[in-house]
Amino acid sequence: CTTGGASPAPTLTTNTPILPAAPSSPSPSSNPSQDALIEEAIAVYKRSFEARWKQIQAGGLAPDEKIPSGFLGLLSDKALDRAVSEQRQAFLQGMKVLEGAPRITAVRVDRTAQLEESQVTLESCEDGTSIRNQLGDGTQSAGQLVEVTTHLSIDSGQLKIAEFEQKAVKSCALD
């Protein structure tokens, strides 16, 4: 996710220390196996969020740096490509986090936005407004409030994030 401008900087709404946040409990259903899948999907989403934030705090991912195992275990397909691209962009721009950390403020199941291959789709709100970044050229930017749609599917027998979309917003509809 990027901020505006000629040379966009990652928005740091990706990984964060997660507080026992807001509505992150699955909506009850009459199917215990579906409930377990939803709980697992939320856990995968939160671990991915943490792993991506930790990497941003470390300065991103150098072009010749090996993809972190945490990414490989949690992300597949387009999500992995996108996360690696964001991390490499942060590194190449010399991004440094000066202060703040994003947090997940809401997570819920979205039963209307399923991709054909996804087992679970989550909607979430990530608040990165406390973040202040500095790029290698000295330019500073602030984090944003972002609504995220995350599609999870089974990959090699494991539930992973297959794709995600992020949209900067002024207020989160989920809060």
Protein backbone atom coordinates (compact mmCIF):
# COMPACT_ATOMS: atom_id res chain seq x y z
CA CYS A 1 0.00 0.00 0.00
CA THR A 2 1.42 3.39 -0.81
CA THR A 3 0.99 7.03 0.00
CA GLY A 4 0.47 9.60 -2.73
CA GLY A 5 3.22 11.39 -4.60
CA ALA A 6 5.64 10.81 -7.42
CA SER A 7 7.59 8.17 -5.58
CA PRO A 8 5.08 6.47 -3.27
CA ALA A 9 6.22 5.06 0.05
CA PRO A 10 4.66 1.97 1.62
CA THR A 11 1.85 2.87 3.97
CA LEU A 12 2.91 0.58 6.78
CA THR A 13 -0.52 -0.77 7.28
CA THR A 14 0.78 -4.21 6.77
CA ASN A 15 2.26 -5.68 9.93
CA THR A 16 1.85 -4.54 13.44
CA PRO A 17 1.96 -5.62 16.98
CA ILE A 18 -1.58 -6.70 17.44
CA LEU A 19 -3.52 -5.64 20.44
CA PRO A 20 -6.35 -7.91 21.48
CA ALA A 21 -8.38 -5.82 19.11
CA ALA A 22 -11.91 -5.01 18.39
CA PRO A 23 -14.41 -7.22 16.62
CA SER A 24 -12.04 -10.02 15.71
CA SER A 25 -14.31 -12.82 16.76
CA PRO A 26 -16.01 -14.77 14.01
CA SER A 27 -19.73 -14.47 13.65
CA PRO A 28 -21.33 -17.63 14.97
CA SER A 29 -22.57 -20.15 12.46
CA SER A 30 -24.24 -23.50 12.75
CA ASN A 31 -21.15 -25.22 11.30
CA PRO A 32 -18.36 -25.89 13.83
CA SER A 33 -15.84 -26.77 11.09
CA GLN A 34 -16.59 -23.46 9.33
CA ASP A 35 -16.15 -21.64 12.66
CA ALA A 36 -12.74 -23.30 13.11
CA LEU A 37 -11.74 -22.31 9.56
CA ILE A 38 -12.75 -18.70 10.25
CA GLU A 39 -10.75 -18.65 13.49
CA GLU A 40 -7.74 -20.03 11.63
CA ALA A 41 -8.18 -17.43 8.87
CA ILE A 42 -8.19 -14.60 11.40
CA ALA A 43 -5.07 -16.03 13.07
CA VAL A 44 -3.27 -16.29 9.70
CA TYR A 45 -4.25 -12.71 8.83
CA LYS A 46 -2.95 -11.40 12.17
CA ARG A 47 0.34 -13.34 11.90
CA SER A 48 0.84 -12.01 8.37
CA PHE A 49 0.15 -8.48 9.57
CA GLU A 50 2.78 -8.90 12.31
CA ALA A 51 5.37 -10.49 9.98
CA ARG A 52 5.03 -7.78 7.34
CA TRP A 53 5.27 -4.98 9.92
CA LYS A 54 8.35 -6.56 11.51
CA GLN A 55 10.03 -6.61 8.09
CA ILE A 56 9.10 -2.96 7.43
CA GLN A 57 10.63 -2.02 10.79
CA ALA A 58 13.81 -3.79 9.67
CA GLY A 59 13.96 -1.55 6.59
CA GLY A 60 12.10 -3.68 4.07
CA LEU A 61 13.57 -6.43 1.93
CA ALA A 62 16.74 -6.02 -0.13
CA PRO A 63 16.49 -7.20 -3.76
CA ASP A 64 18.93 -10.06 -3.10
CA GLU A 65 17.51 -10.91 0.33
CA LYS A 66 15.76 -14.23 0.80
CA ILE A 67 11.98 -14.03 1.29
CA PRO A 68 11.27 -14.44 5.02
CA SER A 69 9.91 -17.86 5.96
CA GLY A 70 7.03 -16.15 7.78
CA PHE A 71 5.88 -14.76 4.44
CA LEU A 72 6.14 -18.13 2.73
CA GLY A 73 4.17 -19.85 5.48
CA LEU A 74 1.33 -17.31 5.45
CA LEU A 75 1.11 -15.85 1.93
CA SER A 76 0.76 -17.41 -1.50
CA ASP A 77 0.08 -16.35 -5.05
CA LYS A 78 -0.65 -12.67 -5.57
CA ALA A 79 -0.43 -11.85 -1.87
CA LEU A 80 3.16 -13.10 -1.64
CA ASP A 81 4.20 -11.23 -4.79
CA ARG A 82 2.57 -8.04 -3.56
CA ALA A 83 4.01 -8.23 -0.03
CA VAL A 84 7.52 -8.88 -1.36
CA SER A 85 7.16 -6.02 -3.85
CA GLU A 86 6.06 -3.62 -1.08
CA GLN A 87 8.97 -4.72 1.12
CA ARG A 88 11.52 -4.33 -1.70
CA GLN A 89 10.11 -0.89 -2.53
CA ALA A 90 10.51 0.17 1.12
CA PHE A 91 14.15 -1.00 1.08
CA LEU A 92 14.97 0.70 -2.23
CA GLN A 93 13.45 3.96 -1.00
CA GLY A 94 15.54 3.79 2.17
CA MET A 95 12.43 3.91 4.32
CA LYS A 96 12.89 4.16 8.05
CA VAL A 97 10.07 4.08 10.60
CA LEU A 98 10.56 7.05 12.92
CA GLU A 99 7.66 6.41 15.25
CA GLY A 100 4.36 4.65 15.70
CA ALA A 101 2.97 1.26 14.80
CA PRO A 102 -0.17 0.21 12.96
CA ARG A 103 -2.86 -1.82 14.66
CA ILE A 104 -5.82 -3.86 13.58
CA THR A 105 -8.99 -2.21 14.84
CA ALA A 106 -11.57 -4.59 13.35
CA VAL A 107 -11.78 -7.95 11.58
CA ARG A 108 -14.89 -9.70 10.33
CA VAL A 109 -15.88 -12.37 7.83
CA ASP A 110 -17.18 -11.07 4.51
CA ARG A 111 -19.55 -13.66 3.10
CA THR A 112 -20.41 -11.51 0.05
CA ALA A 113 -16.96 -10.90 -1.48
CA GLN A 114 -15.65 -14.43 -1.95
CA LEU A 115 -13.23 -15.16 -4.76
CA GLU A 116 -13.94 -18.41 -6.55
CA GLU A 117 -10.92 -20.16 -5.03
CA SER A 118 -11.05 -18.64 -1.54
CA GLN A 119 -12.34 -20.54 1.47
CA VAL A 120 -12.67 -17.41 3.67
CA THR A 121 -12.74 -13.68 2.93
CA LEU A 122 -12.05 -11.21 5.73
CA GLU A 123 -12.65 -7.49 5.93
CA SER A 124 -10.47 -5.54 8.32
CA CYS A 125 -9.44 -2.08 9.30
CA GLU A 126 -5.76 -1.28 9.90
CA ASP A 127 -4.93 2.00 11.60
CA GLY A 128 -1.46 3.23 10.70
CA THR A 129 -2.11 6.88 11.52
CA SER A 130 0.39 6.89 14.41
CA ILE A 131 3.23 6.04 12.00
CA ARG A 132 5.76 8.52 10.72
CA ASN A 133 8.29 7.35 8.09
CA GLN A 134 11.33 8.89 6.54
CA LEU A 135 12.66 7.98 3.10
CA GLY A 136 16.31 7.95 2.13
CA ASP A 137 15.98 11.40 0.53
CA GLY A 138 14.73 12.87 3.84
CA THR A 139 11.08 13.09 2.78
CA GLN A 140 8.69 12.18 5.57
CA SER A 141 5.27 10.57 5.25
CA ALA A 142 2.54 9.44 7.58
CA GLY A 143 0.70 6.15 7.80
CA GLN A 144 -2.96 5.87 6.86
CA LEU A 145 -6.20 4.27 7.91
CA VAL A 146 -6.82 1.39 5.52
CA GLU A 147 -9.68 -1.01 4.86
CA VAL A 148 -8.41 -4.40 3.74
CA THR A 149 -10.16 -7.31 2.04
CA THR A 150 -8.19 -10.54 2.51
CA HIS A 151 -8.93 -13.74 0.59
CA LEU A 152 -7.60 -16.96 2.11
CA SER A 153 -7.38 -20.34 0.42
CA ILE A 154 -5.79 -23.73 0.96
CA ASP A 155 -2.28 -23.95 -0.50
CA SER A 156 -0.36 -27.22 -0.11
CA GLY A 157 -2.72 -28.27 2.67
CA GLN A 158 -2.33 -25.01 4.60
CA LEU A 159 -4.64 -21.98 4.85
CA LYS A 160 -2.77 -18.97 3.42
CA ILE A 161 -3.58 -15.48 2.21
CA ALA A 162 -4.00 -15.74 -1.56
CA GLU A 163 -4.85 -12.13 -2.31
CA PHE A 164 -5.59 -8.86 -0.55
CA GLU A 165 -6.84 -5.44 -1.54
CA GLN A 166 -6.15 -2.28 0.46
CA LYS A 167 -7.94 1.06 0.27
CA ALA A 168 -6.97 4.19 2.21
CA VAL A 169 -10.03 5.69 3.93
CA LYS A 170 -10.85 8.68 6.12
CA SER A 171 -12.84 6.48 8.52
CA CYS A 172 -13.29 2.74 8.70
CA ALA A 173 -16.78 1.39 8.08
CA LEU A 174 -16.00 -1.63 10.28
CA ASP A 175 -15.21 0.29 13.48
